[in-house]
Amino acid sequence: MTNTSSSNNKKDEAVRFIKFLFFSVSAGLIEIVVFALLERFTLWPYWPCYLIALVASVIWNFTLNREFTFKSASNVPIAMLKVAIFYAVFTPVSTILGNWLAETCGWNEYLVTALNMVANFVLEYLYDRFVVFGKSIDTNKRAKS
């Protein structure tokens, strides 16, 4: 019986990861489109374009992953606060590093943004899975039906 339970847990985790990947790709598309529009139609440097695009994608990603990936009934403001704490660290580090790579080192702005997105994907999945929603996974109405 333990083997079946373990097998189901692995399957559930794999499905959860695939959902997170799918929603992250959609959030990434939002981030790239917003970034491209700002980069193309404003004279702003890298950092405000990146920051605005990141915020748009985070709101999208949080909303979908809370409901469909982690199926969490946790308190939304508390979950959002936990995500805000993650981004209070990730955002300045990725913004400063990204700006340095793009403006000082001359790296392609889209490459820098893509590298930030990959780092964001990996770190946020782990943080969401174990910190933000860890104790409230599969507790919403969708999970119970």
Protein backbone atom coordinates (compact mmCIF):
# COMPACT_ATOMS: atom_id res chain seq x y z
CA MET A 1 0.00 0.00 0.00
CA THR A 2 2.86 2.37 0.74
CA ASN A 3 4.21 1.82 -2.76
CA THR A 4 0.91 2.92 -4.34
CA SER A 5 0.73 5.95 -2.08
CA SER A 6 4.31 6.86 -2.94
CA SER A 7 3.59 6.34 -6.63
CA ASN A 8 0.50 8.59 -6.41
CA ASN A 9 2.51 11.26 -4.58
CA LYS A 10 5.19 11.20 -7.29
CA LYS A 11 2.52 11.44 -9.98
CA ASP A 12 0.80 14.31 -8.15
CA GLU A 13 4.14 16.13 -7.82
CA ALA A 14 4.93 15.60 -11.50
CA VAL A 15 1.52 16.97 -12.50
CA ARG A 16 2.00 19.90 -10.11
CA PHE A 17 5.41 20.65 -11.65
CA ILE A 18 4.02 20.49 -15.20
CA LYS A 19 1.19 22.86 -14.28
CA PHE A 20 3.68 25.23 -12.68
CA LEU A 21 5.81 25.04 -15.83
CA PHE A 22 2.79 25.75 -18.06
CA PHE A 23 1.65 28.74 -15.99
CA SER A 24 5.21 30.01 -15.72
CA VAL A 25 5.56 29.87 -19.50
CA SER A 26 2.35 31.90 -19.83
CA ALA A 27 3.67 34.36 -17.22
CA GLY A 28 6.95 34.45 -19.11
CA LEU A 29 5.12 35.36 -22.29
CA ILE A 30 3.39 38.18 -20.45
CA GLU A 31 6.73 39.32 -19.06
CA ILE A 32 8.43 39.26 -22.48
CA VAL A 33 5.55 41.08 -24.21
CA VAL A 34 5.36 43.79 -21.55
CA PHE A 35 9.16 44.10 -21.51
CA ALA A 36 9.34 44.28 -25.32
CA LEU A 37 6.62 46.92 -25.51
CA LEU A 38 8.29 49.07 -22.87
CA GLU A 39 11.76 48.57 -24.32
CA ARG A 40 10.53 49.36 -27.82
CA PHE A 41 8.20 52.28 -27.14
CA THR A 42 9.90 54.08 -24.26
CA LEU A 43 13.35 55.52 -23.78
CA TRP A 44 13.63 53.93 -20.35
CA PRO A 45 16.75 52.01 -19.33
CA TYR A 46 16.61 48.26 -18.74
CA TRP A 47 15.58 48.24 -15.08
CA PRO A 48 12.12 49.91 -15.16
CA CYS A 49 11.12 47.88 -18.22
CA TYR A 50 12.18 44.68 -16.48
CA LEU A 51 10.59 45.63 -13.16
CA ILE A 52 7.17 46.48 -14.61
CA ALA A 53 7.19 43.32 -16.74
CA LEU A 54 8.19 41.21 -13.74
CA VAL A 55 5.37 42.57 -11.56
CA ALA A 56 2.78 41.85 -14.28
CA SER A 57 4.00 38.28 -14.64
CA VAL A 58 4.16 37.67 -10.87
CA ILE A 59 0.53 38.69 -10.36
CA TRP A 60 -0.58 36.42 -13.22
CA ASN A 61 1.57 33.49 -12.04
CA PHE A 62 0.56 33.75 -8.38
CA THR A 63 -3.14 33.83 -9.18
CA LEU A 64 -3.09 30.80 -11.48
CA ASN A 65 -0.67 28.69 -9.45
CA ARG A 66 -2.50 29.28 -6.18
CA GLU A 67 -5.80 28.11 -7.67
CA PHE A 68 -4.79 25.38 -10.12
CA THR A 69 -1.27 24.13 -9.36
CA PHE A 70 -1.15 24.12 -5.59
CA LYS A 71 -4.94 24.18 -5.11
CA SER A 72 -4.47 26.17 -1.96
CA ALA A 73 -7.20 27.53 0.28
CA SER A 74 -4.62 29.43 2.31
CA ASN A 75 -5.19 33.01 3.33
CA VAL A 76 -4.52 35.05 0.16
CA PRO A 77 -2.96 38.08 1.88
CA ILE A 78 -0.58 35.86 3.85
CA ALA A 79 0.35 33.86 0.74
CA MET A 80 0.88 37.11 -1.18
CA LEU A 81 3.03 38.44 1.67
CA LYS A 82 5.21 35.33 1.47
CA VAL A 83 5.56 35.82 -2.29
CA ALA A 84 6.33 39.49 -1.70
CA ILE A 85 9.13 38.46 0.67
CA PHE A 86 10.60 36.23 -2.06
CA TYR A 87 10.45 39.09 -4.54
CA ALA A 88 11.85 41.55 -1.99
CA VAL A 89 15.07 39.55 -2.36
CA PHE A 90 14.83 38.29 -5.94
CA THR A 91 13.77 41.57 -7.55
CA PRO A 92 16.62 43.82 -6.39
CA VAL A 93 19.22 41.13 -7.04
CA SER A 94 17.90 40.31 -10.53
CA THR A 95 17.26 43.97 -11.38
CA ILE A 96 20.72 45.18 -10.32
CA LEU A 97 22.50 42.20 -11.86
CA GLY A 98 20.39 42.41 -15.02
CA ASN A 99 20.97 46.13 -15.36
CA TRP A 100 24.72 45.64 -14.86
CA LEU A 101 24.85 42.87 -17.49
CA ALA A 102 22.75 44.83 -20.00
CA GLU A 103 24.01 48.37 -19.46
CA THR A 104 27.61 47.90 -18.29
CA CYS A 105 28.64 44.61 -19.88
CA GLY A 106 26.62 45.13 -23.05
CA TRP A 107 24.78 41.82 -22.89
CA ASN A 108 21.64 41.51 -24.98
CA GLU A 109 18.68 42.71 -22.90
CA TYR A 110 16.50 39.80 -24.01
CA LEU A 111 19.18 37.26 -23.05
CA VAL A 112 19.49 38.88 -19.62
CA THR A 113 15.73 38.82 -19.19
CA ALA A 114 15.58 35.16 -20.27
CA LEU A 115 18.30 34.23 -17.75
CA ASN A 116 16.39 36.07 -15.01
CA MET A 117 13.23 34.21 -16.01
CA VAL A 118 14.92 30.80 -15.75
CA ALA A 119 16.35 31.66 -12.32
CA ASN A 120 12.94 32.96 -11.26
CA PHE A 121 11.21 29.76 -12.44
CA VAL A 122 13.45 27.40 -10.50
CA LEU A 123 13.66 29.44 -7.32
CA GLU A 124 9.99 30.37 -7.24
CA TYR A 125 8.79 26.79 -7.76
CA LEU A 126 10.83 25.61 -4.80
CA TYR A 127 9.79 28.56 -2.65
CA ASP A 128 6.08 28.28 -3.55
CA ARG A 129 6.05 24.50 -3.13
CA PHE A 130 7.73 24.40 0.25
CA VAL A 131 7.20 27.83 1.84
CA VAL A 132 4.16 29.62 0.40
CA PHE A 133 1.80 26.68 -0.18
CA GLY A 134 3.64 23.79 1.51
CA LYS A 135 1.11 23.20 4.29
CA SER A 136 -1.98 24.15 2.30
CA ILE A 137 -1.54 22.15 -0.91
CA ASP A 138 -4.74 20.52 -2.16
CA THR A 139 -7.02 22.27 0.32
CA ASN A 140 -9.26 24.36 -1.94
CA LYS A 141 -12.66 23.34 -3.38
CA ARG A 142 -11.08 22.29 -6.68
CA ALA A 143 -8.84 19.76 -4.87
CA LYS A 144 -11.70 18.34 -2.84
CA SER A 145 -13.99 17.75 -5.81
